[in-house]
Amino acid sequence: MSKIDARYHSPVVVITSSESGKLFMARYDSTYPFVLYRNSFNPFGGNPTIIEREQGFEPLETLTREIKEEIDPNYSQSEEWVNPLDILSLQNNILSNLRPVIDLYINAPQVEGGRPAHKFIYSVFQSKIPESSIEVVEKAIKCNKKLVTEGNFGVTNLNNLKKGEDQLAHTSALIFKYLFNDREGFPCLVPGATAEPLGNPRNSYKDYTEVVYDNNAFKE
């Protein structure tokens, strides 16, 4: 089997309402260092720690940790925050409905205002949550309440993302093209970026035997 290079390996989740199809996503603010992606949407997720990589954790475990860290009821200690019970319910609904979708190997060229050229893996999951959880998020936005521990968040829908009325950050548009089987919709902010399917997310990072990770991978 031929080898491929990867700088990152990012388990991410596309969170949708099981009823309306609305999407709950992270959203970069006006201070995000990569100017191109400011105010754009991005799936929740992150990268493994050194320990997770070396001990052979699976992408699902990394994603679970990231969700627990980013949507954490323990941060709700003041009136600025959403009620901790609502945050806990939201977190539980996301985690209990996680299902694997696909691994995508991304080749992203340099783009002005974005990241330098890089190759990496998205381990994509989906979680369909009750409409009541989406309503918690929408109420938080309306009342200007804090809900996530880092960055911003928002609610959008597939139609807006397909048309580019709401933009998808980085190369996450490629996730949506595959997940919703629409190669023409979901404009990508990184022209020329490609996605190669690698099968389903695997049981361990050590199972990605064809991948040669960058020396800085899992350490940044």
N, C-alpha and C. Protein backbone atom coordinates (compact mmCIF):
# COMPACT_ATOMS: atom_id res chain seq x y z
N MET A 1 0.85 -1.20 0.00
CA MET A 1 0.00 0.00 0.00
C MET A 1 0.88 1.25 0.00
N SER A 2 0.58 2.18 -0.90
CA SER A 2 1.37 3.40 -0.98
C SER A 2 1.10 4.27 0.24
N LYS A 3 2.11 5.03 0.64
CA LYS A 3 2.01 5.89 1.81
C LYS A 3 1.48 7.27 1.44
N ILE A 4 0.81 7.91 2.39
CA ILE A 4 0.35 9.28 2.21
C ILE A 4 0.81 10.10 3.41
N ASP A 5 1.04 11.38 3.18
CA ASP A 5 1.48 12.28 4.24
C ASP A 5 0.29 13.03 4.83
N ALA A 6 0.35 13.27 6.14
CA ALA A 6 -0.72 14.04 6.79
C ALA A 6 -0.14 14.87 7.92
N ARG A 7 -0.49 16.16 7.94
CA ARG A 7 -0.05 17.04 9.02
C ARG A 7 -1.01 16.98 10.20
N TYR A 8 -2.30 16.86 9.91
CA TYR A 8 -3.31 16.81 10.95
C TYR A 8 -4.19 15.57 10.77
N HIS A 9 -4.91 15.22 11.83
CA HIS A 9 -5.97 14.21 11.74
C HIS A 9 -7.09 14.72 12.63
N SER A 10 -8.15 15.22 12.02
CA SER A 10 -9.18 15.97 12.75
C SER A 10 -10.52 15.25 12.74
N PRO A 11 -10.89 14.59 13.85
CA PRO A 11 -12.26 14.10 13.97
C PRO A 11 -13.23 15.26 14.16
N VAL A 12 -14.28 15.30 13.37
CA VAL A 12 -15.25 16.41 13.42
C VAL A 12 -16.66 15.84 13.35
N VAL A 13 -17.64 16.64 13.79
CA VAL A 13 -19.02 16.18 13.76
C VAL A 13 -19.92 17.24 13.12
N VAL A 14 -20.78 16.78 12.22
CA VAL A 14 -21.82 17.62 11.64
C VAL A 14 -23.08 17.38 12.47
N ILE A 15 -23.54 18.43 13.17
CA ILE A 15 -24.66 18.32 14.10
C ILE A 15 -25.90 18.92 13.45
N THR A 16 -26.94 18.10 13.27
CA THR A 16 -28.16 18.56 12.62
C THR A 16 -29.37 18.24 13.48
N SER A 17 -30.41 19.04 13.31
CA SER A 17 -31.69 18.73 13.94
C SER A 17 -32.32 17.53 13.25
N SER A 18 -32.87 16.61 14.03
CA SER A 18 -33.53 15.44 13.46
C SER A 18 -34.86 15.81 12.82
N GLU A 19 -35.32 17.05 13.06
CA GLU A 19 -36.63 17.46 12.53
C GLU A 19 -36.49 18.52 11.44
N SER A 20 -35.93 19.66 11.77
CA SER A 20 -35.87 20.77 10.80
C SER A 20 -34.66 20.69 9.88
N GLY A 21 -33.64 19.94 10.27
CA GLY A 21 -32.42 19.89 9.47
C GLY A 21 -31.48 21.05 9.72
N LYS A 22 -31.81 21.95 10.66
CA LYS A 22 -30.90 23.04 11.00
C LYS A 22 -29.59 22.47 11.54
N LEU A 23 -28.51 23.23 11.35
CA LEU A 23 -27.19 22.79 11.78
C LEU A 23 -26.66 23.67 12.90
N PHE A 24 -26.12 23.04 13.93
CA PHE A 24 -25.44 23.72 15.03
C PHE A 24 -23.94 23.55 14.79
N MET A 25 -23.23 24.69 14.64
CA MET A 25 -21.82 24.63 14.27
C MET A 25 -21.02 25.67 15.03
N ALA A 26 -19.71 25.45 15.07
CA ALA A 26 -18.81 26.50 15.53
C ALA A 26 -18.79 27.61 14.48
N ARG A 27 -18.48 28.83 14.95
CA ARG A 27 -18.41 29.96 14.00
C ARG A 27 -17.29 30.90 14.45
N TYR A 28 -16.38 31.17 13.53
CA TYR A 28 -15.25 32.02 13.87
C TYR A 28 -15.68 33.48 13.98
N ASP A 29 -15.05 34.20 14.90
CA ASP A 29 -15.39 35.61 15.08
C ASP A 29 -14.42 36.49 14.29
N SER A 30 -14.55 37.79 14.48
CA SER A 30 -13.77 38.76 13.68
C SER A 30 -12.31 38.85 14.11
N THR A 31 -11.94 38.12 15.17
CA THR A 31 -10.53 38.13 15.61
C THR A 31 -9.77 36.89 15.17
N TYR A 32 -10.43 35.97 14.47
CA TYR A 32 -9.76 34.74 14.06
C TYR A 32 -8.54 35.08 13.19
N PRO A 33 -7.39 34.45 13.46
CA PRO A 33 -6.15 34.88 12.79
C PRO A 33 -6.14 34.67 11.28
N PHE A 34 -6.88 33.69 10.77
CA PHE A 34 -6.95 33.50 9.32
C PHE A 34 -8.13 34.31 8.79
N VAL A 35 -7.82 35.45 8.20
CA VAL A 35 -8.84 36.45 7.84
C VAL A 35 -9.92 35.86 6.93
N LEU A 36 -9.51 34.98 6.03
CA LEU A 36 -10.45 34.43 5.05
C LEU A 36 -11.63 33.74 5.70
N TYR A 37 -11.42 33.17 6.88
CA TYR A 37 -12.45 32.33 7.49
C TYR A 37 -13.25 33.05 8.57
N ARG A 38 -13.01 34.32 8.79
CA ARG A 38 -13.75 35.04 9.81
C ARG A 38 -15.25 35.04 9.51
N ASN A 39 -16.03 34.79 10.56
CA ASN A 39 -17.49 34.73 10.50
C ASN A 39 -18.03 33.52 9.73
N SER A 40 -17.17 32.59 9.38
CA SER A 40 -17.61 31.38 8.67
C SER A 40 -17.85 30.25 9.66
N PHE A 41 -18.58 29.24 9.20
CA PHE A 41 -18.97 28.10 10.03
C PHE A 41 -17.99 26.95 9.87
N ASN A 42 -17.86 26.14 10.93
CA ASN A 42 -16.96 25.00 10.91
C ASN A 42 -17.51 23.92 11.84
N PRO A 43 -17.45 22.66 11.47
CA PRO A 43 -17.92 21.60 12.38
C PRO A 43 -17.12 21.57 13.68
N PHE A 44 -17.76 21.20 14.76
CA PHE A 44 -17.05 21.02 16.03
C PHE A 44 -16.10 19.82 15.91
N GLY A 45 -14.96 19.91 16.59
CA GLY A 45 -14.00 18.82 16.59
C GLY A 45 -12.62 19.33 16.95
N GLY A 46 -11.61 18.54 16.64
CA GLY A 46 -10.24 18.94 16.97
C GLY A 46 -9.26 17.85 16.62
N ASN A 47 -8.08 17.94 17.18
CA ASN A 47 -7.02 16.99 16.90
C ASN A 47 -6.66 16.18 18.14
N PRO A 48 -6.12 14.99 17.96
CA PRO A 48 -5.74 14.17 19.10
C PRO A 48 -4.58 14.76 19.88
N THR A 49 -4.52 14.42 21.14
CA THR A 49 -3.35 14.76 21.95
C THR A 49 -2.24 13.76 21.66
N ILE A 50 -1.05 14.05 22.14
CA ILE A 50 0.06 13.13 21.97
C ILE A 50 -0.27 11.77 22.59
N ILE A 51 -0.86 11.79 23.79
CA ILE A 51 -1.20 10.54 24.48
C ILE A 51 -2.22 9.73 23.67
N GLU A 52 -3.23 10.42 23.14
CA GLU A 52 -4.25 9.71 22.35
C GLU A 52 -3.63 9.04 21.13
N ARG A 53 -2.73 9.73 20.49
CA ARG A 53 -2.07 9.17 19.31
C ARG A 53 -1.17 7.99 19.70
N GLU A 54 -0.33 8.17 20.68
CA GLU A 54 0.66 7.15 21.03
C GLU A 54 0.01 5.91 21.64
N GLN A 55 -1.11 6.09 22.35
CA GLN A 55 -1.76 4.95 22.98
C GLN A 55 -2.82 4.30 22.09
N GLY A 56 -2.96 4.81 20.88
CA GLY A 56 -3.84 4.17 19.92
C GLY A 56 -5.32 4.39 20.17
N PHE A 57 -5.67 5.58 20.69
CA PHE A 57 -7.09 5.91 20.82
C PHE A 57 -7.74 5.91 19.45
N GLU A 58 -9.05 5.91 19.43
CA GLU A 58 -9.76 6.01 18.16
C GLU A 58 -10.26 7.43 17.95
N PRO A 59 -10.49 7.83 16.69
CA PRO A 59 -11.00 9.18 16.43
C PRO A 59 -12.26 9.53 17.22
N LEU A 60 -13.13 8.55 17.43
CA LEU A 60 -14.36 8.81 18.20
C LEU A 60 -14.04 9.27 19.61
N GLU A 61 -13.00 8.72 20.22
CA GLU A 61 -12.63 9.12 21.58
C GLU A 61 -12.12 10.56 21.61
N THR A 62 -11.35 10.94 20.60
CA THR A 62 -10.88 12.32 20.51
C THR A 62 -12.06 13.27 20.35
N LEU A 63 -12.98 12.91 19.47
CA LEU A 63 -14.14 13.76 19.22
C LEU A 63 -15.00 13.89 20.48
N THR A 64 -15.19 12.81 21.19
CA THR A 64 -15.96 12.84 22.43
C THR A 64 -15.32 13.79 23.44
N ARG A 65 -14.00 13.71 23.58
CA ARG A 65 -13.30 14.62 24.50
C ARG A 65 -13.49 16.07 24.07
N GLU A 66 -13.35 16.33 22.77
CA GLU A 66 -13.48 17.70 22.27
C GLU A 66 -14.87 18.26 22.55
N ILE A 67 -15.90 17.46 22.33
CA ILE A 67 -17.26 17.92 22.59
C ILE A 67 -17.46 18.22 24.07
N LYS A 68 -16.94 17.34 24.93
CA LYS A 68 -17.07 17.56 26.37
C LYS A 68 -16.33 18.81 26.82
N GLU A 69 -15.22 19.14 26.14
CA GLU A 69 -14.46 20.33 26.50
C GLU A 69 -15.11 21.60 25.96
N GLU A 70 -15.67 21.54 24.77
CA GLU A 70 -16.21 22.74 24.13
C GLU A 70 -17.65 23.04 24.55
N ILE A 71 -18.40 22.00 24.90
CA ILE A 71 -19.79 22.18 25.34
C ILE A 71 -19.86 21.60 26.74
N ASP A 72 -19.41 22.40 27.71
CA ASP A 72 -19.15 21.92 29.07
C ASP A 72 -20.02 22.66 30.07
N PRO A 73 -20.99 21.97 30.70
CA PRO A 73 -21.88 22.65 31.65
C PRO A 73 -21.15 23.22 32.87
N ASN A 74 -19.96 22.73 33.16
CA ASN A 74 -19.22 23.22 34.32
C ASN A 74 -18.75 24.67 34.16
N TYR A 75 -18.78 25.18 32.92
CA TYR A 75 -18.39 26.57 32.68
C TYR A 75 -19.54 27.54 32.99
N SER A 76 -20.74 27.02 33.11
CA SER A 76 -21.91 27.88 33.30
C SER A 76 -22.03 28.27 34.77
N GLN A 77 -21.33 29.35 35.13
CA GLN A 77 -21.26 29.78 36.53
C GLN A 77 -21.85 31.18 36.74
N SER A 78 -22.44 31.76 35.70
CA SER A 78 -22.98 33.11 35.83
C SER A 78 -24.15 33.30 34.88
N GLU A 79 -24.80 34.45 34.98
CA GLU A 79 -25.95 34.76 34.13
C GLU A 79 -25.55 34.96 32.68
N GLU A 80 -24.25 35.11 32.41
CA GLU A 80 -23.78 35.25 31.04
C GLU A 80 -23.91 33.96 30.25
N TRP A 81 -24.06 32.85 30.97
CA TRP A 81 -24.06 31.53 30.35
C TRP A 81 -25.46 30.94 30.28
N VAL A 82 -25.63 30.04 29.33
CA VAL A 82 -26.84 29.21 29.26
C VAL A 82 -26.90 28.34 30.52
N ASN A 83 -28.10 28.03 30.94
CA ASN A 83 -28.30 27.17 32.11
C ASN A 83 -27.49 25.87 31.96
N PRO A 84 -26.74 25.47 33.00
CA PRO A 84 -25.90 24.28 32.89
C PRO A 84 -26.66 23.00 32.55
N LEU A 85 -27.90 22.89 33.02
CA LEU A 85 -28.69 21.70 32.69
C LEU A 85 -29.01 21.64 31.20
N ASP A 86 -29.23 22.80 30.58
CA ASP A 86 -29.48 22.84 29.14
C ASP A 86 -28.21 22.50 28.37
N ILE A 87 -27.07 22.97 28.87
CA ILE A 87 -25.80 22.64 28.21
C ILE A 87 -25.52 21.15 28.33
N LEU A 88 -25.77 20.59 29.51
CA LEU A 88 -25.55 19.15 29.70
C LEU A 88 -26.46 18.34 28.80
N SER A 89 -27.71 18.74 28.67
CA SER A 89 -28.64 18.03 27.80
C SER A 89 -28.18 18.09 26.35
N LEU A 90 -27.72 19.27 25.92
CA LEU A 90 -27.20 19.42 24.57
C LEU A 90 -26.00 18.51 24.34
N GLN A 91 -25.06 18.54 25.29
CA GLN A 91 -23.88 17.69 25.18
C GLN A 91 -24.27 16.22 25.09
N ASN A 92 -25.17 15.78 25.96
CA ASN A 92 -25.58 14.37 25.97
C ASN A 92 -26.27 13.98 24.67
N ASN A 93 -27.09 14.86 24.13
CA ASN A 93 -27.78 14.56 22.88
C ASN A 93 -26.79 14.42 21.72
N ILE A 94 -25.78 15.26 21.69
CA ILE A 94 -24.77 15.16 20.64
C ILE A 94 -24.01 13.84 20.77
N LEU A 95 -23.55 13.54 21.98
CA LEU A 95 -22.71 12.36 22.18
C LEU A 95 -23.49 11.06 21.97
N SER A 96 -24.74 11.03 22.38
CA SER A 96 -25.51 9.79 22.29
C SER A 96 -25.94 9.47 20.86
N ASN A 97 -25.85 10.45 19.98
CA ASN A 97 -26.29 10.24 18.59
C ASN A 97 -25.15 10.26 17.58
N LEU A 98 -23.91 10.20 18.05
CA LEU A 98 -22.77 10.19 17.14
C LEU A 98 -22.75 8.91 16.30
N ARG A 99 -22.53 9.07 15.02
CA ARG A 99 -22.32 7.91 14.15
C ARG A 99 -21.23 8.23 13.14
N PRO A 100 -20.38 7.26 12.82
CA PRO A 100 -19.31 7.52 11.86
C PRO A 100 -19.84 7.64 10.44
N VAL A 101 -19.20 8.49 9.64
CA VAL A 101 -19.62 8.69 8.26
C VAL A 101 -18.52 8.28 7.29
N ILE A 102 -17.36 8.95 7.37
CA ILE A 102 -16.31 8.71 6.38
C ILE A 102 -15.00 9.35 6.84
N ASP A 103 -13.90 8.79 6.40
CA ASP A 103 -12.60 9.45 6.50
C ASP A 103 -12.29 10.09 5.15
N LEU A 104 -11.89 11.35 5.17
CA LEU A 104 -11.52 12.05 3.95
C LEU A 104 -10.08 12.54 4.06
N TYR A 105 -9.29 12.22 3.04
CA TYR A 105 -7.91 12.70 2.97
C TYR A 105 -7.91 13.97 2.14
N ILE A 106 -7.55 15.08 2.79
CA ILE A 106 -7.67 16.41 2.19
C ILE A 106 -6.30 16.92 1.74
N ASN A 107 -6.26 17.43 0.53
CA ASN A 107 -5.06 18.11 0.01
C ASN A 107 -5.46 19.56 -0.23
N ALA A 108 -4.97 20.45 0.65
CA ALA A 108 -5.38 21.86 0.62
C ALA A 108 -4.21 22.72 0.18
N PRO A 109 -4.30 23.38 -0.97
CA PRO A 109 -3.23 24.29 -1.41
C PRO A 109 -3.22 25.59 -0.63
N GLN A 110 -2.18 26.36 -0.82
CA GLN A 110 -2.10 27.69 -0.19
C GLN A 110 -3.22 28.59 -0.71
N VAL A 111 -3.77 29.40 0.18
CA VAL A 111 -4.78 30.36 -0.22
C VAL A 111 -4.55 31.63 0.58
N GLU A 112 -4.69 32.77 -0.07
CA GLU A 112 -4.46 34.05 0.61
C GLU A 112 -5.46 34.24 1.75
N GLY A 113 -4.93 34.56 2.92
CA GLY A 113 -5.78 34.77 4.08
C GLY A 113 -6.11 33.50 4.83
N GLY A 114 -5.64 32.35 4.32
CA GLY A 114 -5.91 31.07 4.96
C GLY A 114 -4.64 30.39 5.42
N ARG A 115 -4.72 29.10 5.64
CA ARG A 115 -3.55 28.35 6.08
C ARG A 115 -2.58 28.10 4.94
N PRO A 116 -1.30 27.85 5.27
CA PRO A 116 -0.37 27.38 4.24
C PRO A 116 -0.85 26.04 3.68
N ALA A 117 -0.29 25.63 2.55
CA ALA A 117 -0.66 24.35 1.94
C ALA A 117 -0.42 23.22 2.94
N HIS A 118 -1.35 22.27 3.01
CA HIS A 118 -1.20 21.15 3.93
C HIS A 118 -2.10 20.00 3.50
N LYS A 119 -1.76 18.80 4.00
CA LYS A 119 -2.55 17.59 3.78
C LYS A 119 -2.93 17.03 5.14
N PHE A 120 -4.15 16.53 5.24
CA PHE A 120 -4.59 16.01 6.53
C PHE A 120 -5.81 15.11 6.34
N ILE A 121 -6.29 14.54 7.45
CA ILE A 121 -7.44 13.65 7.42
C ILE A 121 -8.57 14.23 8.27
N TYR A 122 -9.77 14.26 7.69
CA TYR A 122 -10.99 14.48 8.45
C TYR A 122 -11.59 13.12 8.77
N SER A 123 -11.79 12.79 10.04
CA SER A 123 -12.66 11.67 10.40
C SER A 123 -14.03 12.27 10.70
N VAL A 124 -14.97 12.02 9.80
CA VAL A 124 -16.26 12.71 9.84
C VAL A 124 -17.31 11.87 10.55
N PHE A 125 -18.00 12.50 11.49
CA PHE A 125 -19.13 11.89 12.19
C PHE A 125 -20.35 12.80 12.01
N GLN A 126 -21.51 12.24 12.24
CA GLN A 126 -22.74 13.03 12.23
C GLN A 126 -23.53 12.75 13.50
N SER A 127 -24.23 13.76 13.98
CA SER A 127 -25.11 13.59 15.15
C SER A 127 -26.41 14.32 14.88
N LYS A 128 -27.51 13.58 14.87
CA LYS A 128 -28.83 14.18 14.69
C LYS A 128 -29.48 14.33 16.06
N ILE A 129 -29.73 15.57 16.44
CA ILE A 129 -30.21 15.87 17.78
C ILE A 129 -31.64 16.40 17.74
N PRO A 130 -32.37 16.35 18.86
CA PRO A 130 -33.75 16.86 18.88
C PRO A 130 -33.82 18.35 18.55
N GLU A 131 -34.94 18.75 17.99
CA GLU A 131 -35.15 20.16 17.67
C GLU A 131 -35.07 21.02 18.93
N SER A 132 -35.47 20.45 20.06
CA SER A 132 -35.42 21.21 21.32
C SER A 132 -34.00 21.65 21.66
N SER A 133 -33.01 20.86 21.28
CA SER A 133 -31.61 21.23 21.52
C SER A 133 -31.19 22.38 20.61
N ILE A 134 -31.65 22.35 19.38
CA ILE A 134 -31.37 23.46 18.46
C ILE A 134 -32.01 24.74 18.99
N GLU A 135 -33.19 24.61 19.57
CA GLU A 135 -33.87 25.78 20.13
C GLU A 135 -33.08 26.37 21.30
N VAL A 136 -32.43 25.54 22.07
CA VAL A 136 -31.56 26.04 23.15
C VAL A 136 -30.45 26.90 22.57
N VAL A 137 -29.86 26.42 21.48
CA VAL A 137 -28.77 27.18 20.83
C VAL A 137 -29.31 28.50 20.27
N GLU A 138 -30.45 28.45 19.60
CA GLU A 138 -31.02 29.67 19.01
C GLU A 138 -31.39 30.69 20.08
N LYS A 139 -31.90 30.20 21.20
CA LYS A 139 -32.23 31.11 22.30
C LYS A 139 -30.96 31.75 22.86
N ALA A 140 -29.88 30.97 22.96
CA ALA A 140 -28.61 31.51 23.45
C ALA A 140 -28.11 32.62 22.53
N ILE A 141 -28.25 32.42 21.23
CA ILE A 141 -27.83 33.45 20.28
C ILE A 141 -28.68 34.71 20.44
N LYS A 142 -30.00 34.51 20.52
CA LYS A 142 -30.91 35.65 20.65
C LYS A 142 -30.66 36.45 21.92
N CYS A 143 -30.35 35.74 23.01
CA CYS A 143 -30.16 36.39 24.32
C CYS A 143 -28.70 36.72 24.60
N ASN A 144 -27.84 36.47 23.60
CA ASN A 144 -26.41 36.77 23.74
C ASN A 144 -25.79 36.05 24.95
N LYS A 145 -26.11 34.77 25.07
CA LYS A 145 -25.60 33.96 26.16
C LYS A 145 -24.41 33.12 25.68
N LYS A 146 -23.48 32.84 26.59
CA LYS A 146 -22.36 31.95 26.28
C LYS A 146 -22.83 30.50 26.34
N LEU A 147 -22.26 29.70 25.42
CA LEU A 147 -22.65 28.29 25.34
C LEU A 147 -21.45 27.37 25.15
N VAL A 148 -20.43 27.87 24.46
CA VAL A 148 -19.24 27.06 24.18
C VAL A 148 -18.04 27.70 24.86
N THR A 149 -17.03 26.88 25.14
CA THR A 149 -15.89 27.34 25.94
C THR A 149 -14.84 28.06 25.12
N GLU A 150 -14.88 27.93 23.80
CA GLU A 150 -13.92 28.64 22.96
C GLU A 150 -14.57 29.02 21.63
N GLY A 151 -14.25 30.22 21.16
CA GLY A 151 -14.80 30.68 19.90
C GLY A 151 -16.29 30.99 19.99
N ASN A 152 -16.90 31.12 18.83
CA ASN A 152 -18.32 31.41 18.73
C ASN A 152 -19.08 30.20 18.22
N PHE A 153 -20.38 30.33 18.08
CA PHE A 153 -21.22 29.25 17.58
C PHE A 153 -22.38 29.87 16.82
N GLY A 154 -23.08 29.03 16.07
CA GLY A 154 -24.20 29.55 15.32
C GLY A 154 -25.10 28.44 14.82
N VAL A 155 -26.22 28.84 14.24
CA VAL A 155 -27.16 27.90 13.62
C VAL A 155 -27.35 28.34 12.17
N THR A 156 -27.29 27.39 11.26
CA THR A 156 -27.51 27.68 9.85
C THR A 156 -28.32 26.53 9.26
N ASN A 157 -28.44 26.50 7.94
CA ASN A 157 -29.17 25.41 7.30
C ASN A 157 -28.48 25.02 6.00
N LEU A 158 -28.85 23.87 5.47
CA LEU A 158 -28.19 23.35 4.28
C LEU A 158 -28.35 24.26 3.08
N ASN A 159 -29.51 24.86 2.93
CA ASN A 159 -29.74 25.71 1.77
C ASN A 159 -28.77 26.89 1.76
N ASN A 160 -28.60 27.54 2.91
CA ASN A 160 -27.67 28.67 2.98
C ASN A 160 -26.24 28.25 2.70
N LEU A 161 -25.86 27.06 3.21
CA LEU A 161 -24.50 26.58 2.99
C LEU A 161 -24.29 26.15 1.54
N LYS A 162 -25.29 25.51 0.95
CA LYS A 162 -25.18 25.09 -0.45
C LYS A 162 -24.95 26.28 -1.37
N LYS A 163 -25.68 27.36 -1.10
CA LYS A 163 -25.61 28.54 -1.95
C LYS A 163 -24.42 29.45 -1.62
N GLY A 164 -23.77 29.19 -0.48
CA GLY A 164 -22.67 30.05 -0.07
C GLY A 164 -23.12 31.31 0.63
N GLU A 165 -24.42 31.39 0.99
CA GLU A 165 -24.90 32.55 1.74
C GLU A 165 -24.30 32.56 3.14
N ASP A 166 -24.12 31.38 3.70
CA ASP A 166 -23.30 31.19 4.89
C ASP A 166 -22.09 30.38 4.46
N GLN A 167 -20.91 30.85 4.81
CA GLN A 167 -19.69 30.20 4.30
C GLN A 167 -19.17 29.15 5.27
N LEU A 168 -18.54 28.14 4.69
CA LEU A 168 -17.89 27.08 5.45
C LEU A 168 -16.40 27.33 5.47
N ALA A 169 -15.81 27.31 6.67
CA ALA A 169 -14.39 27.63 6.83
C ALA A 169 -13.49 26.52 6.31
N HIS A 170 -12.25 26.91 6.06
CA HIS A 170 -11.21 25.95 5.67
C HIS A 170 -11.69 25.10 4.48
N THR A 171 -11.54 23.77 4.59
CA THR A 171 -12.00 22.88 3.53
C THR A 171 -13.22 22.08 3.98
N SER A 172 -13.92 22.54 5.00
CA SER A 172 -15.05 21.76 5.51
C SER A 172 -16.19 21.64 4.50
N ALA A 173 -16.20 22.48 3.46
CA ALA A 173 -17.20 22.32 2.40
C ALA A 173 -17.09 20.94 1.76
N LEU A 174 -15.87 20.39 1.72
CA LEU A 174 -15.69 19.07 1.10
C LEU A 174 -16.39 17.99 1.91
N ILE A 175 -16.47 18.16 3.23
CA ILE A 175 -17.23 17.24 4.07
C ILE A 175 -18.69 17.23 3.66
N PHE A 176 -19.26 18.42 3.48
CA PHE A 176 -20.67 18.54 3.15
C PHE A 176 -20.97 18.00 1.76
N LYS A 177 -20.05 18.18 0.83
CA LYS A 177 -20.24 17.63 -0.52
C LYS A 177 -20.41 16.12 -0.46
N TYR A 178 -19.60 15.46 0.38
CA TYR A 178 -19.69 14.01 0.50
C TYR A 178 -20.89 13.59 1.34
N LEU A 179 -21.07 14.23 2.47
CA LEU A 179 -22.12 13.83 3.41
C LEU A 179 -23.50 13.95 2.79
N PHE A 180 -23.71 15.02 2.00
CA PHE A 180 -25.02 15.27 1.42
C PHE A 180 -25.06 15.02 -0.09
N ASN A 181 -24.01 14.35 -0.60
CA ASN A 181 -23.95 13.91 -1.99
C ASN A 181 -24.30 15.03 -2.96
N ASP A 182 -23.60 16.13 -2.81
CA ASP A 182 -23.84 17.30 -3.66
C ASP A 182 -22.48 17.90 -4.03
N ARG A 183 -21.97 17.52 -5.17
CA ARG A 183 -20.64 17.98 -5.59
C ARG A 183 -20.64 19.40 -6.11
N GLU A 184 -21.81 19.91 -6.49
CA GLU A 184 -21.89 21.25 -7.07
C GLU A 184 -22.13 22.33 -6.02
N GLY A 185 -22.84 21.97 -4.95
CA GLY A 185 -23.13 22.94 -3.90
C GLY A 185 -21.99 23.06 -2.91
N PHE A 186 -22.18 23.86 -1.90
CA PHE A 186 -21.22 24.07 -0.83
C PHE A 186 -19.88 24.61 -1.35
N PRO A 187 -19.84 25.90 -1.71
CA PRO A 187 -18.60 26.50 -2.22
C PRO A 187 -17.46 26.37 -1.21
N CYS A 188 -16.30 25.99 -1.71
CA CYS A 188 -15.13 25.80 -0.86
C CYS A 188 -14.26 27.05 -0.89
N LEU A 189 -13.84 27.53 0.28
CA LEU A 189 -13.02 28.73 0.36
C LEU A 189 -11.56 28.48 0.00
N VAL A 190 -11.23 27.21 -0.27
CA VAL A 190 -9.86 26.87 -0.68
C VAL A 190 -9.93 26.28 -2.09
N PRO A 191 -9.86 27.12 -3.12
CA PRO A 191 -9.95 26.62 -4.50
C PRO A 191 -8.87 25.58 -4.78
N GLY A 192 -9.27 24.52 -5.45
CA GLY A 192 -8.31 23.47 -5.80
C GLY A 192 -8.13 22.41 -4.74
N ALA A 193 -8.75 22.57 -3.57
CA ALA A 193 -8.66 21.55 -2.53
C ALA A 193 -9.39 20.28 -2.98
N THR A 194 -8.82 19.12 -2.64
CA THR A 194 -9.41 17.84 -3.04
C THR A 194 -9.64 16.96 -1.81
N ALA A 195 -10.57 16.02 -1.95
CA ALA A 195 -10.89 15.08 -0.87
C ALA A 195 -10.91 13.67 -1.44
N GLU A 196 -10.16 12.77 -0.82
CA GLU A 196 -10.13 11.37 -1.23
C GLU A 196 -10.69 10.50 -0.10
N PRO A 197 -11.76 9.73 -0.36
CA PRO A 197 -12.32 8.87 0.69
C PRO A 197 -11.33 7.77 1.08
N LEU A 198 -11.24 7.50 2.38
CA LEU A 198 -10.36 6.44 2.88
C LEU A 198 -11.16 5.34 3.57
N GLY A 199 -12.46 5.36 3.45
CA GLY A 199 -13.28 4.38 4.16
C GLY A 199 -13.87 4.98 5.42
N ASN A 200 -14.28 4.13 6.35
CA ASN A 200 -14.90 4.58 7.59
C ASN A 200 -13.84 4.95 8.63
N PRO A 201 -14.16 5.84 9.57
CA PRO A 201 -13.25 6.09 10.69
C PRO A 201 -12.90 4.79 11.39
N ARG A 202 -11.63 4.65 11.77
CA ARG A 202 -11.13 3.36 12.25
C ARG A 202 -11.10 3.30 13.77
N ASN A 203 -10.77 2.11 14.28
CA ASN A 203 -10.83 1.85 15.71
C ASN A 203 -9.63 2.39 16.47
N SER A 204 -8.58 2.79 15.77
CA SER A 204 -7.37 3.29 16.42
C SER A 204 -6.58 4.12 15.43
N TYR A 205 -5.89 5.16 15.96
CA TYR A 205 -5.00 5.91 15.08
C TYR A 205 -3.89 5.02 14.54
N LYS A 206 -3.56 3.96 15.25
CA LYS A 206 -2.52 3.04 14.79
C LYS A 206 -2.97 2.20 13.60
N ASP A 207 -4.28 2.19 13.33
CA ASP A 207 -4.81 1.44 12.19
C ASP A 207 -4.60 2.17 10.86
N TYR A 208 -4.18 3.43 10.93
CA TYR A 208 -3.94 4.19 9.70
C TYR A 208 -2.51 3.93 9.25
N THR A 209 -2.25 2.69 8.88
CA THR A 209 -0.88 2.26 8.59
C THR A 209 -0.33 2.86 7.30
N GLU A 210 -1.21 3.35 6.45
CA GLU A 210 -0.74 3.96 5.20
C GLU A 210 -0.37 5.43 5.37
N VAL A 211 -0.62 5.98 6.56
CA VAL A 211 -0.40 7.40 6.78
C VAL A 211 0.95 7.65 7.45
N VAL A 212 1.71 8.57 6.90
CA VAL A 212 2.94 9.05 7.52
C VAL A 212 2.64 10.43 8.08
N TYR A 213 2.54 10.52 9.40
CA TYR A 213 2.18 11.78 10.02
C TYR A 213 3.39 12.69 10.14
N ASP A 214 3.15 13.99 9.99
CA ASP A 214 4.18 15.00 10.18
C ASP A 214 4.71 14.92 11.60
N ASN A 215 5.98 15.27 11.79
CA ASN A 215 6.59 15.22 13.12
C ASN A 215 5.85 16.10 14.13
N ASN A 216 5.19 17.15 13.65
CA ASN A 216 4.46 18.05 14.53
C ASN A 216 2.99 17.63 14.73
N ALA A 217 2.57 16.61 13.99
CA ALA A 217 1.18 16.18 14.15
C ALA A 217 0.96 15.69 15.57
N PHE A 218 -0.23 16.06 16.13
CA PHE A 218 -0.63 15.69 17.49
C PHE A 218 0.19 16.40 18.56
N LYS A 219 1.02 17.36 18.17
CA LYS A 219 1.84 18.06 19.15
C LYS A 219 1.58 19.56 19.15
N GLU A 220 0.68 20.02 18.31
CA GLU A 220 0.46 21.46 18.14
C GLU A 220 -0.78 21.91 18.89
